[in-house]
């Protein structure tokens, strides 16, 4: 059964959706969630709940489902995700393979054109992700 996601109205709703997506590793549903959620609101909605697993499923969902259709949205999510509480901690705990997944998403975005970001924007964001 496909997970249904709707725009979260608060941190609790967002947390419930993320837990459901994470439990089933449903990247398509996670992509749906990220598509209906304004990237600017993600740091607030995540509150202090960012974990490695969550960062990773966000990255994978953006890479496989969002970046190809809307690279600008994928970029916005990466940008605002880096402002979330615990981001630096979670980033520091990523394995080499997990970091490579983040790198793949950046590679994909650098091959795409969007009026939402320049290659310079992408390069400076890569530094924030320690790539």
Protein backbone atom coordinates (compact mmCIF):
# COMPACT_ATOMS: atom_id res chain seq x y z
CA UNK A 1 0.00 0.00 0.00
CA UNK A 2 1.41 3.36 -1.03
CA UNK A 3 1.91 5.86 1.75
CA UNK A 4 -0.20 8.96 1.33
CA UNK A 5 1.39 12.20 2.36
CA UNK A 6 -0.06 15.66 2.58
CA UNK A 7 1.44 19.01 3.37
CA UNK A 8 2.36 18.95 7.07
CA UNK A 9 0.77 21.71 9.11
CA UNK A 10 3.08 21.32 12.10
CA UNK A 11 6.20 19.58 13.38
CA UNK A 12 4.17 16.70 14.81
CA UNK A 13 2.50 15.90 11.46
CA UNK A 14 5.83 16.20 9.67
CA UNK A 15 7.46 13.89 12.23
CA UNK A 16 4.69 11.30 11.80
CA UNK A 17 5.10 11.37 8.02
CA UNK A 18 8.87 11.07 8.28
CA UNK A 19 8.62 8.15 10.68
CA UNK A 20 6.23 6.35 8.33
CA UNK A 21 8.44 7.02 5.31
CA UNK A 22 11.55 5.97 7.21
CA UNK A 23 10.00 2.78 8.59
CA UNK A 24 9.06 1.60 5.10
CA UNK A 25 12.08 3.20 3.35
CA UNK A 26 9.53 4.52 0.84
CA UNK A 27 11.61 6.98 -1.16
CA UNK A 28 8.74 7.82 -3.53
CA UNK A 29 6.51 8.81 -0.60
CA UNK A 30 9.38 10.78 0.91
CA UNK A 31 9.79 12.60 -2.41
CA UNK A 32 6.05 13.37 -2.35
CA UNK A 33 6.42 14.73 1.18
CA UNK A 34 9.37 16.92 0.14
CA UNK A 35 7.46 18.12 -2.91
CA UNK A 36 4.44 19.31 -0.91
CA UNK A 37 6.54 20.80 1.90
CA UNK A 38 7.98 24.28 1.48
CA UNK A 39 11.77 23.84 1.83
CA UNK A 40 11.98 26.98 4.01
CA UNK A 41 9.76 25.33 6.63
CA UNK A 42 11.77 22.09 6.91
CA UNK A 43 14.25 23.24 9.59
CA UNK A 44 11.33 24.34 11.80
CA UNK A 45 9.27 21.21 11.07
CA UNK A 46 12.24 18.94 11.77
CA UNK A 47 12.91 20.75 15.04
CA UNK A 48 15.70 18.77 16.74
CA UNK A 49 14.71 15.44 15.16
CA UNK A 50 17.25 15.26 12.33
CA UNK A 51 18.99 11.87 12.25
CA UNK A 52 21.41 10.26 9.82
CA UNK A 53 18.70 7.91 8.53
CA UNK A 54 16.39 10.85 7.83
CA UNK A 55 19.07 12.90 6.10
CA UNK A 56 19.89 9.89 3.94
CA UNK A 57 16.34 9.11 2.87
CA UNK A 58 15.87 12.81 2.05
CA UNK A 59 19.04 12.74 -0.09
CA UNK A 60 18.03 9.50 -1.84
CA UNK A 61 14.50 10.73 -2.48
CA UNK A 62 15.76 14.03 -3.87
CA UNK A 63 18.27 12.21 -6.05
CA UNK A 64 15.93 9.56 -7.45
CA UNK A 65 12.61 11.38 -7.66
CA UNK A 66 12.98 15.14 -7.40
CA UNK A 67 16.26 16.34 -8.96
CA UNK A 68 15.41 15.07 -12.45
CA UNK A 69 12.03 16.81 -12.51
CA UNK A 70 12.75 19.89 -10.44
CA UNK A 71 16.44 20.50 -9.71
CA UNK A 72 15.58 23.90 -8.21
CA UNK A 73 13.38 22.29 -5.57
CA UNK A 74 16.07 19.70 -4.80
CA UNK A 75 18.60 22.50 -4.36
CA UNK A 76 16.25 24.47 -2.09
CA UNK A 77 15.77 21.38 0.09
CA UNK A 78 19.52 20.80 0.36
CA UNK A 79 20.03 24.46 1.21
CA UNK A 80 17.40 24.61 3.98
CA UNK A 81 18.24 21.13 5.29
CA UNK A 82 21.72 22.45 6.06
CA UNK A 83 20.09 25.03 8.38
CA UNK A 84 18.35 22.35 10.46
CA UNK A 85 19.27 21.78 14.07
CA UNK A 86 21.76 18.88 14.47
CA UNK A 87 22.78 19.10 10.77
CA UNK A 88 26.52 19.37 11.55
CA UNK A 89 26.35 16.47 14.02
CA UNK A 90 24.47 14.24 11.60
CA UNK A 91 26.81 15.17 8.76
CA UNK A 92 29.86 14.28 10.85
CA UNK A 93 28.44 10.81 11.47
CA UNK A 94 27.84 9.90 7.82
CA UNK A 95 29.90 7.01 6.49
CA UNK A 96 32.08 7.27 3.38
CA UNK A 97 29.37 5.53 1.29
CA UNK A 98 26.67 7.84 2.62
CA UNK A 99 28.81 10.88 1.78
CA UNK A 100 29.15 9.48 -1.75
CA UNK A 101 25.35 9.45 -2.06
CA UNK A 102 25.26 13.13 -1.11
CA UNK A 103 28.00 13.77 -3.70
CA UNK A 104 25.93 11.98 -6.39
CA UNK A 105 23.00 14.31 -5.75
CA UNK A 106 25.28 17.33 -6.08
CA UNK A 107 26.71 15.89 -9.32
CA UNK A 108 23.20 15.46 -10.67
CA UNK A 109 22.32 19.04 -9.77
CA UNK A 110 25.48 20.41 -11.38
CA UNK A 111 24.49 18.68 -14.64
CA UNK A 112 21.01 20.23 -14.47
CA UNK A 113 20.04 23.78 -15.26
CA UNK A 114 17.83 25.79 -12.95
CA UNK A 115 17.17 29.45 -12.39
CA UNK A 116 17.02 28.65 -8.66
CA UNK A 117 20.78 28.24 -8.33
CA UNK A 118 24.09 28.87 -10.09
CA UNK A 119 27.10 26.56 -10.17
CA UNK A 120 28.71 28.93 -7.63
CA UNK A 121 25.72 28.45 -5.31
CA UNK A 122 26.11 24.70 -5.68
CA UNK A 123 29.85 24.84 -4.98
CA UNK A 124 29.37 26.86 -1.79
CA UNK A 125 26.61 24.51 -0.63
CA UNK A 126 28.91 21.53 -1.28
CA UNK A 127 31.35 23.06 1.21
CA UNK A 128 28.57 23.26 3.79
CA UNK A 129 28.04 19.51 3.20
CA UNK A 130 31.81 19.07 3.59
CA UNK A 131 32.25 17.62 0.10
